[in-house]
Amino acid sequence: MTPQDITKLIVRTSMRDRTAFDSLYRATSAKLFGVCLRVLNDRAEAEEALQEVFVKIWTKADRFAASDLSPISWLVAIARNHAIDRIRARRRPHSDIDDALDIADPAPGPEAAAVTAGEREKIHGCLEELEKTKADAVRGAYLKGESYAELAARHGVPLNTMRTWLRRSLMKLRECLER
């Protein structure tokens, strides 16, 4: 089909000639589908876009200005622009920076930080009330993650003795913290 034939079909389509529109579809749909597919990279979406392109051609055929330019270029521009518009519509809209004000900060607030600091001081004070070796064993087990066996070997006591030290030390810490 020559460019003049396509121009005639577009002009007749602008006059709502369904037969001309059908012929235009058969003559150009493969090329316009290729344009949509190339831009969208999704066959199903390209098929849907092609249908929407031909709806635009039907409604905007009267805007086509017959000239020496290729009519297929006009049709390709419609298809390409529509496919690009679909890609833009897929993207999430950018939110306003002020929306970030509503997002909660996971860090503790000033009051919680002050309470935590006070509790930390109280725990360290209670650890100071324990015997040095037992306080060292509690720090090793609960702050450094050392095993009972490692602590027993370091302090030179049997494993069960170390367990007893830790259990009794924790009970003394609880009493101290409850005061």
N, C-alpha and C. Protein backbone atom coordinates (compact mmCIF):
# COMPACT_ATOMS: atom_id res chain seq x y z
N MET A 1 0.86 -1.18 0.00
CA MET A 1 0.00 0.00 0.00
C MET A 1 0.90 1.24 0.00
N THR A 2 0.61 2.18 -0.82
CA THR A 2 1.43 3.38 -0.97
C THR A 2 1.06 4.43 0.08
N PRO A 3 1.96 5.38 0.32
CA PRO A 3 1.64 6.46 1.25
C PRO A 3 0.39 7.24 0.84
N GLN A 4 0.16 7.38 -0.46
CA GLN A 4 -1.04 8.09 -0.92
C GLN A 4 -2.31 7.31 -0.54
N ASP A 5 -2.23 5.98 -0.64
CA ASP A 5 -3.38 5.14 -0.25
C ASP A 5 -3.68 5.30 1.23
N ILE A 6 -2.62 5.31 2.05
CA ILE A 6 -2.82 5.46 3.51
C ILE A 6 -3.38 6.83 3.81
N THR A 7 -2.90 7.86 3.11
CA THR A 7 -3.43 9.21 3.31
C THR A 7 -4.93 9.24 2.99
N LYS A 8 -5.32 8.61 1.90
CA LYS A 8 -6.74 8.56 1.53
C LYS A 8 -7.56 7.86 2.61
N LEU A 9 -7.02 6.76 3.15
CA LEU A 9 -7.74 6.03 4.20
C LEU A 9 -7.90 6.88 5.45
N ILE A 10 -6.86 7.63 5.81
CA ILE A 10 -6.95 8.51 7.00
C ILE A 10 -7.99 9.59 6.76
N VAL A 11 -7.99 10.19 5.58
CA VAL A 11 -8.97 11.24 5.26
C VAL A 11 -10.38 10.67 5.31
N ARG A 12 -10.59 9.49 4.72
CA ARG A 12 -11.92 8.87 4.76
C ARG A 12 -12.30 8.49 6.19
N THR A 13 -11.32 8.08 7.00
CA THR A 13 -11.59 7.76 8.41
C THR A 13 -12.04 9.01 9.15
N SER A 14 -11.47 10.15 8.81
CA SER A 14 -11.88 11.40 9.48
C SER A 14 -13.35 11.74 9.18
N MET A 15 -13.87 11.16 8.10
CA MET A 15 -15.28 11.35 7.76
C MET A 15 -16.14 10.21 8.30
N ARG A 16 -15.56 9.44 9.19
CA ARG A 16 -16.23 8.33 9.89
C ARG A 16 -16.61 7.19 8.96
N ASP A 17 -15.76 6.93 7.98
CA ASP A 17 -15.95 5.82 7.06
C ASP A 17 -15.37 4.56 7.72
N ARG A 18 -16.25 3.67 8.17
CA ARG A 18 -15.81 2.46 8.88
C ARG A 18 -15.03 1.51 7.98
N THR A 19 -15.41 1.43 6.74
CA THR A 19 -14.70 0.55 5.81
C THR A 19 -13.26 1.03 5.62
N ALA A 20 -13.09 2.33 5.49
CA ALA A 20 -11.74 2.90 5.35
C ALA A 20 -10.93 2.66 6.63
N PHE A 21 -11.59 2.81 7.76
CA PHE A 21 -10.91 2.58 9.03
C PHE A 21 -10.45 1.13 9.15
N ASP A 22 -11.32 0.20 8.73
CA ASP A 22 -10.98 -1.22 8.75
C ASP A 22 -9.78 -1.49 7.84
N SER A 23 -9.77 -0.90 6.68
CA SER A 23 -8.65 -1.07 5.75
C SER A 23 -7.37 -0.45 6.31
N LEU A 24 -7.50 0.70 6.94
CA LEU A 24 -6.34 1.36 7.57
C LEU A 24 -5.77 0.47 8.67
N TYR A 25 -6.66 -0.13 9.46
CA TYR A 25 -6.23 -1.03 10.53
C TYR A 25 -5.45 -2.21 9.94
N ARG A 26 -6.01 -2.85 8.92
CA ARG A 26 -5.34 -4.01 8.33
C ARG A 26 -4.00 -3.64 7.71
N ALA A 27 -3.91 -2.46 7.15
CA ALA A 27 -2.69 -2.05 6.45
C ALA A 27 -1.58 -1.61 7.40
N THR A 28 -1.94 -1.07 8.57
CA THR A 28 -0.91 -0.46 9.43
C THR A 28 -0.77 -1.08 10.81
N SER A 29 -1.67 -1.96 11.20
CA SER A 29 -1.65 -2.46 12.58
C SER A 29 -0.38 -3.22 12.92
N ALA A 30 0.17 -3.97 11.97
CA ALA A 30 1.40 -4.74 12.26
C ALA A 30 2.55 -3.79 12.59
N LYS A 31 2.71 -2.75 11.80
CA LYS A 31 3.80 -1.79 12.03
C LYS A 31 3.58 -1.05 13.35
N LEU A 32 2.37 -0.60 13.61
CA LEU A 32 2.09 0.14 14.84
C LEU A 32 2.21 -0.77 16.06
N PHE A 33 1.84 -2.03 15.91
CA PHE A 33 2.04 -2.98 17.01
C PHE A 33 3.53 -3.13 17.32
N GLY A 34 4.36 -3.19 16.29
CA GLY A 34 5.81 -3.29 16.48
C GLY A 34 6.36 -2.10 17.24
N VAL A 35 5.83 -0.92 16.93
CA VAL A 35 6.26 0.29 17.64
C VAL A 35 5.88 0.19 19.12
N CYS A 36 4.65 -0.19 19.38
CA CYS A 36 4.18 -0.33 20.77
C CYS A 36 4.98 -1.38 21.52
N LEU A 37 5.23 -2.50 20.87
CA LEU A 37 5.97 -3.58 21.51
C LEU A 37 7.41 -3.16 21.81
N ARG A 38 8.02 -2.46 20.89
CA ARG A 38 9.40 -2.01 21.09
C ARG A 38 9.49 -1.06 22.29
N VAL A 39 8.53 -0.18 22.46
CA VAL A 39 8.55 0.79 23.55
C VAL A 39 8.16 0.13 24.88
N LEU A 40 7.15 -0.72 24.86
CA LEU A 40 6.59 -1.27 26.11
C LEU A 40 7.26 -2.57 26.57
N ASN A 41 7.84 -3.32 25.64
CA ASN A 41 8.50 -4.60 25.97
C ASN A 41 7.57 -5.61 26.65
N ASP A 42 6.30 -5.54 26.35
CA ASP A 42 5.32 -6.47 26.92
C ASP A 42 4.23 -6.68 25.88
N ARG A 43 4.10 -7.92 25.41
CA ARG A 43 3.19 -8.21 24.30
C ARG A 43 1.74 -7.86 24.64
N ALA A 44 1.27 -8.29 25.81
CA ALA A 44 -0.12 -8.03 26.19
C ALA A 44 -0.39 -6.54 26.30
N GLU A 45 0.54 -5.82 26.90
CA GLU A 45 0.36 -4.38 27.05
C GLU A 45 0.43 -3.69 25.69
N ALA A 46 1.29 -4.19 24.81
CA ALA A 46 1.39 -3.61 23.46
C ALA A 46 0.10 -3.83 22.68
N GLU A 47 -0.53 -5.00 22.83
CA GLU A 47 -1.79 -5.26 22.16
C GLU A 47 -2.89 -4.31 22.65
N GLU A 48 -2.90 -4.11 23.96
CA GLU A 48 -3.89 -3.20 24.53
C GLU A 48 -3.62 -1.76 24.07
N ALA A 49 -2.36 -1.38 24.06
CA ALA A 49 -1.99 -0.04 23.61
C ALA A 49 -2.37 0.16 22.14
N LEU A 50 -2.19 -0.86 21.32
CA LEU A 50 -2.53 -0.75 19.90
C LEU A 50 -4.02 -0.44 19.72
N GLN A 51 -4.85 -1.10 20.49
CA GLN A 51 -6.28 -0.84 20.39
C GLN A 51 -6.59 0.61 20.76
N GLU A 52 -5.92 1.09 21.83
CA GLU A 52 -6.13 2.48 22.25
C GLU A 52 -5.61 3.46 21.19
N VAL A 53 -4.52 3.09 20.53
CA VAL A 53 -3.97 3.92 19.45
C VAL A 53 -4.98 4.06 18.33
N PHE A 54 -5.63 2.97 17.96
CA PHE A 54 -6.60 3.05 16.87
C PHE A 54 -7.86 3.80 17.29
N VAL A 55 -8.18 3.79 18.56
CA VAL A 55 -9.29 4.64 19.02
C VAL A 55 -8.90 6.11 18.84
N LYS A 56 -7.65 6.43 19.18
CA LYS A 56 -7.17 7.81 18.98
C LYS A 56 -7.17 8.18 17.50
N ILE A 57 -6.75 7.26 16.66
CA ILE A 57 -6.73 7.54 15.22
C ILE A 57 -8.15 7.81 14.73
N TRP A 58 -9.11 7.01 15.19
CA TRP A 58 -10.51 7.20 14.79
C TRP A 58 -11.02 8.57 15.22
N THR A 59 -10.67 8.97 16.45
CA THR A 59 -11.18 10.26 16.96
C THR A 59 -10.39 11.46 16.48
N LYS A 60 -9.12 11.25 16.08
CA LYS A 60 -8.28 12.40 15.71
C LYS A 60 -7.87 12.40 14.24
N ALA A 61 -8.49 11.57 13.45
CA ALA A 61 -8.13 11.50 12.02
C ALA A 61 -8.36 12.85 11.33
N ASP A 62 -9.30 13.64 11.82
CA ASP A 62 -9.55 14.94 11.20
C ASP A 62 -8.41 15.93 11.43
N ARG A 63 -7.51 15.62 12.34
CA ARG A 63 -6.36 16.50 12.60
C ARG A 63 -5.18 16.21 11.67
N PHE A 64 -5.28 15.13 10.93
CA PHE A 64 -4.22 14.77 10.00
C PHE A 64 -4.21 15.77 8.85
N ALA A 65 -3.06 16.34 8.60
CA ALA A 65 -2.93 17.29 7.50
C ALA A 65 -2.22 16.60 6.35
N ALA A 66 -2.93 16.37 5.29
CA ALA A 66 -2.32 15.72 4.12
C ALA A 66 -1.24 16.61 3.56
N SER A 67 -0.06 16.05 3.42
CA SER A 67 1.07 16.82 2.89
C SER A 67 2.03 15.85 2.23
N ASP A 68 3.22 16.35 1.94
CA ASP A 68 4.22 15.49 1.31
C ASP A 68 4.84 14.54 2.33
N LEU A 69 4.60 14.78 3.60
CA LEU A 69 5.16 13.91 4.64
C LEU A 69 4.45 12.56 4.62
N SER A 70 5.16 11.55 5.11
CA SER A 70 4.61 10.20 5.11
C SER A 70 3.48 10.08 6.13
N PRO A 71 2.33 9.56 5.74
CA PRO A 71 1.22 9.39 6.69
C PRO A 71 1.55 8.34 7.74
N ILE A 72 2.40 7.39 7.39
CA ILE A 72 2.76 6.37 8.37
C ILE A 72 3.55 6.99 9.51
N SER A 73 4.30 8.07 9.21
CA SER A 73 5.04 8.77 10.28
C SER A 73 4.08 9.36 11.29
N TRP A 74 2.96 9.90 10.82
CA TRP A 74 1.95 10.46 11.71
C TRP A 74 1.37 9.35 12.59
N LEU A 75 1.06 8.21 11.99
CA LEU A 75 0.51 7.08 12.74
C LEU A 75 1.53 6.53 13.74
N VAL A 76 2.78 6.42 13.33
CA VAL A 76 3.83 5.92 14.22
C VAL A 76 4.01 6.88 15.40
N ALA A 77 3.95 8.17 15.14
CA ALA A 77 4.09 9.15 16.22
C ALA A 77 2.98 8.99 17.25
N ILE A 78 1.76 8.75 16.77
CA ILE A 78 0.64 8.53 17.70
C ILE A 78 0.90 7.28 18.54
N ALA A 79 1.31 6.19 17.91
CA ALA A 79 1.55 4.93 18.62
C ALA A 79 2.70 5.09 19.62
N ARG A 80 3.80 5.69 19.17
CA ARG A 80 4.97 5.85 20.04
C ARG A 80 4.62 6.72 21.24
N ASN A 81 3.98 7.85 21.00
CA ASN A 81 3.62 8.76 22.11
C ASN A 81 2.66 8.10 23.09
N HIS A 82 1.73 7.32 22.57
CA HIS A 82 0.78 6.64 23.46
C HIS A 82 1.51 5.60 24.31
N ALA A 83 2.43 4.84 23.72
CA ALA A 83 3.18 3.83 24.47
C ALA A 83 4.03 4.49 25.55
N ILE A 84 4.64 5.62 25.22
CA ILE A 84 5.43 6.35 26.22
C ILE A 84 4.54 6.85 27.34
N ASP A 85 3.35 7.34 27.00
CA ASP A 85 2.41 7.78 28.03
C ASP A 85 2.02 6.63 28.96
N ARG A 86 1.89 5.43 28.41
CA ARG A 86 1.56 4.27 29.26
C ARG A 86 2.70 3.97 30.22
N ILE A 87 3.94 4.09 29.76
CA ILE A 87 5.09 3.85 30.64
C ILE A 87 5.10 4.89 31.75
N ARG A 88 4.86 6.13 31.40
CA ARG A 88 4.83 7.20 32.42
C ARG A 88 3.71 6.97 33.43
N ALA A 89 2.58 6.47 32.97
CA ALA A 89 1.45 6.22 33.87
C ALA A 89 1.74 5.08 34.84
N ARG A 90 2.61 4.14 34.43
CA ARG A 90 2.98 3.01 35.30
C ARG A 90 3.78 3.46 36.51
N ARG A 91 4.59 4.48 36.31
CA ARG A 91 5.46 4.94 37.39
C ARG A 91 4.64 5.49 38.53
N ARG A 92 5.15 5.24 39.74
CA ARG A 92 4.47 5.78 40.92
C ARG A 92 4.66 7.29 40.94
N PRO A 93 3.65 8.01 41.30
CA PRO A 93 3.82 9.46 41.39
C PRO A 93 4.76 9.80 42.55
N HIS A 94 5.54 10.82 42.34
CA HIS A 94 6.45 11.26 43.39
C HIS A 94 5.63 11.92 44.49
N SER A 95 5.95 11.58 45.72
CA SER A 95 5.20 12.18 46.81
C SER A 95 5.89 13.46 47.27
N ASP A 96 5.12 14.28 47.87
CA ASP A 96 5.60 15.56 48.36
C ASP A 96 6.55 15.33 49.53
N ILE A 97 7.58 16.12 49.63
CA ILE A 97 8.57 15.98 50.70
C ILE A 97 7.93 16.17 52.07
N ASP A 98 6.85 16.95 52.14
CA ASP A 98 6.19 17.16 53.42
C ASP A 98 5.51 15.90 53.94
N ASP A 99 5.26 14.92 53.06
CA ASP A 99 4.68 13.66 53.50
C ASP A 99 5.64 12.91 54.42
N ALA A 100 6.92 13.19 54.30
CA ALA A 100 7.92 12.52 55.14
C ALA A 100 7.80 12.93 56.60
N LEU A 101 7.17 14.05 56.86
CA LEU A 101 7.00 14.50 58.24
C LEU A 101 6.11 13.54 59.03
N ASP A 102 5.23 12.82 58.33
CA ASP A 102 4.31 11.91 59.01
C ASP A 102 4.93 10.55 59.30
N ILE A 103 6.14 10.30 58.82
CA ILE A 103 6.80 9.02 59.04
C ILE A 103 7.48 9.04 60.39
N ALA A 104 7.19 8.03 61.19
CA ALA A 104 7.74 7.98 62.55
C ALA A 104 9.21 7.61 62.52
N ASP A 105 9.98 8.23 63.40
CA ASP A 105 11.39 7.92 63.56
C ASP A 105 11.50 6.72 64.50
N PRO A 106 12.16 5.63 64.07
CA PRO A 106 12.24 4.45 64.93
C PRO A 106 13.16 4.62 66.14
N ALA A 107 13.99 5.64 66.12
CA ALA A 107 14.89 5.87 67.25
C ALA A 107 14.08 6.34 68.45
N PRO A 108 14.55 6.00 69.64
CA PRO A 108 13.82 6.45 70.84
C PRO A 108 13.84 7.97 70.93
N GLY A 109 12.77 8.51 71.46
CA GLY A 109 12.69 9.95 71.63
C GLY A 109 13.55 10.40 72.80
N PRO A 110 13.61 11.70 73.05
CA PRO A 110 14.44 12.22 74.13
C PRO A 110 14.07 11.66 75.51
N GLU A 111 12.77 11.50 75.74
CA GLU A 111 12.34 10.98 77.04
C GLU A 111 12.78 9.53 77.22
N ALA A 112 12.57 8.72 76.18
CA ALA A 112 12.97 7.31 76.25
C ALA A 112 14.48 7.19 76.39
N ALA A 113 15.23 8.05 75.70
CA ALA A 113 16.69 8.02 75.81
C ALA A 113 17.13 8.36 77.23
N ALA A 114 16.46 9.33 77.84
CA ALA A 114 16.80 9.72 79.21
C ALA A 114 16.50 8.59 80.18
N VAL A 115 15.35 7.93 79.99
CA VAL A 115 14.98 6.80 80.86
C VAL A 115 15.99 5.67 80.70
N THR A 116 16.34 5.38 79.46
CA THR A 116 17.31 4.32 79.19
C THR A 116 18.65 4.64 79.81
N ALA A 117 19.08 5.88 79.69
CA ALA A 117 20.36 6.28 80.29
C ALA A 117 20.32 6.13 81.80
N GLY A 118 19.19 6.50 82.40
CA GLY A 118 19.05 6.36 83.85
C GLY A 118 19.07 4.89 84.27
N GLU A 119 18.40 4.03 83.50
CA GLU A 119 18.41 2.60 83.82
C GLU A 119 19.80 2.02 83.65
N ARG A 120 20.52 2.46 82.62
CA ARG A 120 21.88 1.97 82.40
C ARG A 120 22.77 2.32 83.60
N GLU A 121 22.65 3.56 84.08
CA GLU A 121 23.45 3.97 85.25
C GLU A 121 23.09 3.13 86.47
N LYS A 122 21.81 2.87 86.63
CA LYS A 122 21.36 2.09 87.79
C LYS A 122 21.90 0.66 87.70
N ILE A 123 21.89 0.06 86.52
CA ILE A 123 22.41 -1.31 86.35
C ILE A 123 23.90 -1.33 86.65
N HIS A 124 24.65 -0.36 86.13
CA HIS A 124 26.09 -0.31 86.40
C HIS A 124 26.36 -0.11 87.89
N GLY A 125 25.52 0.71 88.53
CA GLY A 125 25.68 0.91 89.98
C GLY A 125 25.44 -0.39 90.75
N CYS A 126 24.43 -1.15 90.33
CA CYS A 126 24.14 -2.43 90.99
C CYS A 126 25.24 -3.45 90.73
N LEU A 127 25.83 -3.41 89.53
CA LEU A 127 26.95 -4.32 89.24
C LEU A 127 28.14 -4.02 90.14
N GLU A 128 28.31 -2.74 90.51
CA GLU A 128 29.42 -2.36 91.39
C GLU A 128 29.23 -2.91 92.80
N GLU A 129 27.97 -3.19 93.19
CA GLU A 129 27.71 -3.74 94.52
C GLU A 129 28.08 -5.22 94.62
N LEU A 130 28.21 -5.92 93.48
CA LEU A 130 28.59 -7.33 93.47
C LEU A 130 30.10 -7.46 93.69
N GLU A 131 30.52 -8.66 94.11
CA GLU A 131 31.95 -8.93 94.19
C GLU A 131 32.53 -8.75 92.80
N LYS A 132 33.79 -8.32 92.73
CA LYS A 132 34.41 -8.03 91.44
C LYS A 132 34.38 -9.23 90.51
N THR A 133 34.72 -10.42 90.98
CA THR A 133 34.76 -11.61 90.11
C THR A 133 33.37 -11.97 89.61
N LYS A 134 32.37 -11.84 90.47
CA LYS A 134 31.00 -12.19 90.07
C LYS A 134 30.44 -11.13 89.12
N ALA A 135 30.74 -9.86 89.34
CA ALA A 135 30.31 -8.80 88.43
C ALA A 135 30.97 -9.00 87.06
N ASP A 136 32.25 -9.41 87.07
CA ASP A 136 32.96 -9.69 85.82
C ASP A 136 32.32 -10.85 85.08
N ALA A 137 31.90 -11.90 85.82
CA ALA A 137 31.25 -13.05 85.20
C ALA A 137 29.90 -12.65 84.59
N VAL A 138 29.12 -11.80 85.27
CA VAL A 138 27.83 -11.33 84.75
C VAL A 138 28.06 -10.52 83.49
N ARG A 139 29.03 -9.60 83.51
CA ARG A 139 29.33 -8.79 82.32
C ARG A 139 29.75 -9.70 81.16
N GLY A 140 30.58 -10.69 81.45
CA GLY A 140 31.04 -11.62 80.40
C GLY A 140 29.89 -12.40 79.79
N ALA A 141 28.99 -12.90 80.64
CA ALA A 141 27.88 -13.73 80.15
C ALA A 141 26.82 -12.91 79.44
N TYR A 142 26.43 -11.76 80.01
CA TYR A 142 25.26 -11.05 79.50
C TYR A 142 25.57 -9.82 78.66
N LEU A 143 26.79 -9.34 78.70
CA LEU A 143 27.14 -8.19 77.86
C LEU A 143 28.08 -8.58 76.73
N LYS A 144 28.94 -9.57 76.97
CA LYS A 144 29.90 -9.99 75.94
C LYS A 144 29.49 -11.29 75.26
N GLY A 145 28.52 -12.02 75.81
CA GLY A 145 28.04 -13.24 75.18
C GLY A 145 28.93 -14.46 75.40
N GLU A 146 29.74 -14.44 76.44
CA GLU A 146 30.62 -15.59 76.72
C GLU A 146 29.79 -16.74 77.29
N SER A 147 30.21 -17.95 76.99
CA SER A 147 29.50 -19.13 77.49
C SER A 147 29.87 -19.39 78.94
N TYR A 148 29.02 -20.20 79.61
CA TYR A 148 29.31 -20.57 81.00
C TYR A 148 30.65 -21.29 81.08
N ALA A 149 30.93 -22.16 80.12
CA ALA A 149 32.18 -22.94 80.12
C ALA A 149 33.39 -22.00 79.99
N GLU A 150 33.29 -21.01 79.12
CA GLU A 150 34.39 -20.05 78.97
C GLU A 150 34.62 -19.27 80.27
N LEU A 151 33.54 -18.85 80.88
CA LEU A 151 33.66 -18.10 82.14
C LEU A 151 34.23 -18.97 83.26
N ALA A 152 33.77 -20.23 83.34
CA ALA A 152 34.27 -21.15 84.37
C ALA A 152 35.77 -21.37 84.19
N ALA A 153 36.22 -21.55 82.95
CA ALA A 153 37.65 -21.76 82.68
C ALA A 153 38.44 -20.50 83.03
N ARG A 154 37.95 -19.33 82.67
CA ARG A 154 38.67 -18.09 82.94
C ARG A 154 38.79 -17.82 84.44
N HIS A 155 37.74 -18.13 85.20
CA HIS A 155 37.75 -17.86 86.65
C HIS A 155 38.26 -19.05 87.45
N GLY A 156 38.52 -20.15 86.78
CA GLY A 156 39.08 -21.33 87.45
C GLY A 156 38.11 -21.98 88.43
N VAL A 157 36.83 -22.05 88.08
CA VAL A 157 35.83 -22.69 88.93
C VAL A 157 35.08 -23.73 88.12
N PRO A 158 34.47 -24.72 88.79
CA PRO A 158 33.67 -25.72 88.06
C PRO A 158 32.48 -25.05 87.36
N LEU A 159 32.00 -25.68 86.30
CA LEU A 159 30.89 -25.16 85.50
C LEU A 159 29.64 -24.90 86.36
N ASN A 160 29.29 -25.85 87.22
CA ASN A 160 28.10 -25.67 88.06
C ASN A 160 28.26 -24.51 89.03
N THR A 161 29.49 -24.29 89.49
CA THR A 161 29.74 -23.16 90.38
C THR A 161 29.49 -21.85 89.63
N MET A 162 29.95 -21.81 88.38
CA MET A 162 29.74 -20.60 87.57
C MET A 162 28.25 -20.35 87.37
N ARG A 163 27.49 -21.39 87.11
CA ARG A 163 26.03 -21.23 86.97
C ARG A 163 25.41 -20.68 88.25
N THR A 164 25.86 -21.17 89.36
CA THR A 164 25.35 -20.70 90.65
C THR A 164 25.71 -19.24 90.86
N TRP A 165 26.97 -18.87 90.56
CA TRP A 165 27.38 -17.47 90.69
C TRP A 165 26.46 -16.56 89.87
N LEU A 166 26.23 -16.96 88.63
CA LEU A 166 25.43 -16.11 87.74
C LEU A 166 23.98 -16.02 88.22
N ARG A 167 23.41 -17.16 88.65
CA ARG A 167 22.03 -17.15 89.12
C ARG A 167 21.89 -16.26 90.35
N ARG A 168 22.79 -16.42 91.34
CA ARG A 168 22.73 -15.62 92.57
C ARG A 168 23.02 -14.15 92.28
N SER A 169 23.95 -13.90 91.35
CA SER A 169 24.27 -12.51 91.02
C SER A 169 23.07 -11.82 90.36
N LEU A 170 22.36 -12.53 89.50
CA LEU A 170 21.17 -11.95 88.87
C LEU A 170 20.08 -11.65 89.89
N MET A 171 19.94 -12.54 90.88
CA MET A 171 18.95 -12.31 91.94
C MET A 171 19.32 -11.06 92.74
N LYS A 172 20.62 -10.85 93.02
CA LYS A 172 21.07 -9.66 93.76
C LYS A 172 20.86 -8.40 92.90
N LEU A 173 21.11 -8.53 91.60
CA LEU A 173 20.87 -7.38 90.71
C LEU A 173 19.40 -7.00 90.69
N ARG A 174 18.52 -7.99 90.65
CA ARG A 174 17.08 -7.71 90.65
C ARG A 174 16.69 -6.99 91.93
N GLU A 175 17.19 -7.48 93.08
CA GLU A 175 16.89 -6.83 94.36
C GLU A 175 17.36 -5.36 94.35
N CYS A 176 18.57 -5.18 93.85
CA CYS A 176 19.13 -3.82 93.79
C CYS A 176 18.29 -2.91 92.90
N LEU A 177 17.89 -3.42 91.74
CA LEU A 177 17.11 -2.60 90.80
C LEU A 177 15.70 -2.27 91.33
N GLU A 178 15.16 -3.12 92.19
CA GLU A 178 13.82 -2.90 92.75
C GLU A 178 13.83 -1.89 93.87
N ARG A 179 14.99 -1.56 94.39
CA ARG A 179 15.06 -0.57 95.49
C ARG A 179 14.77 0.82 95.00
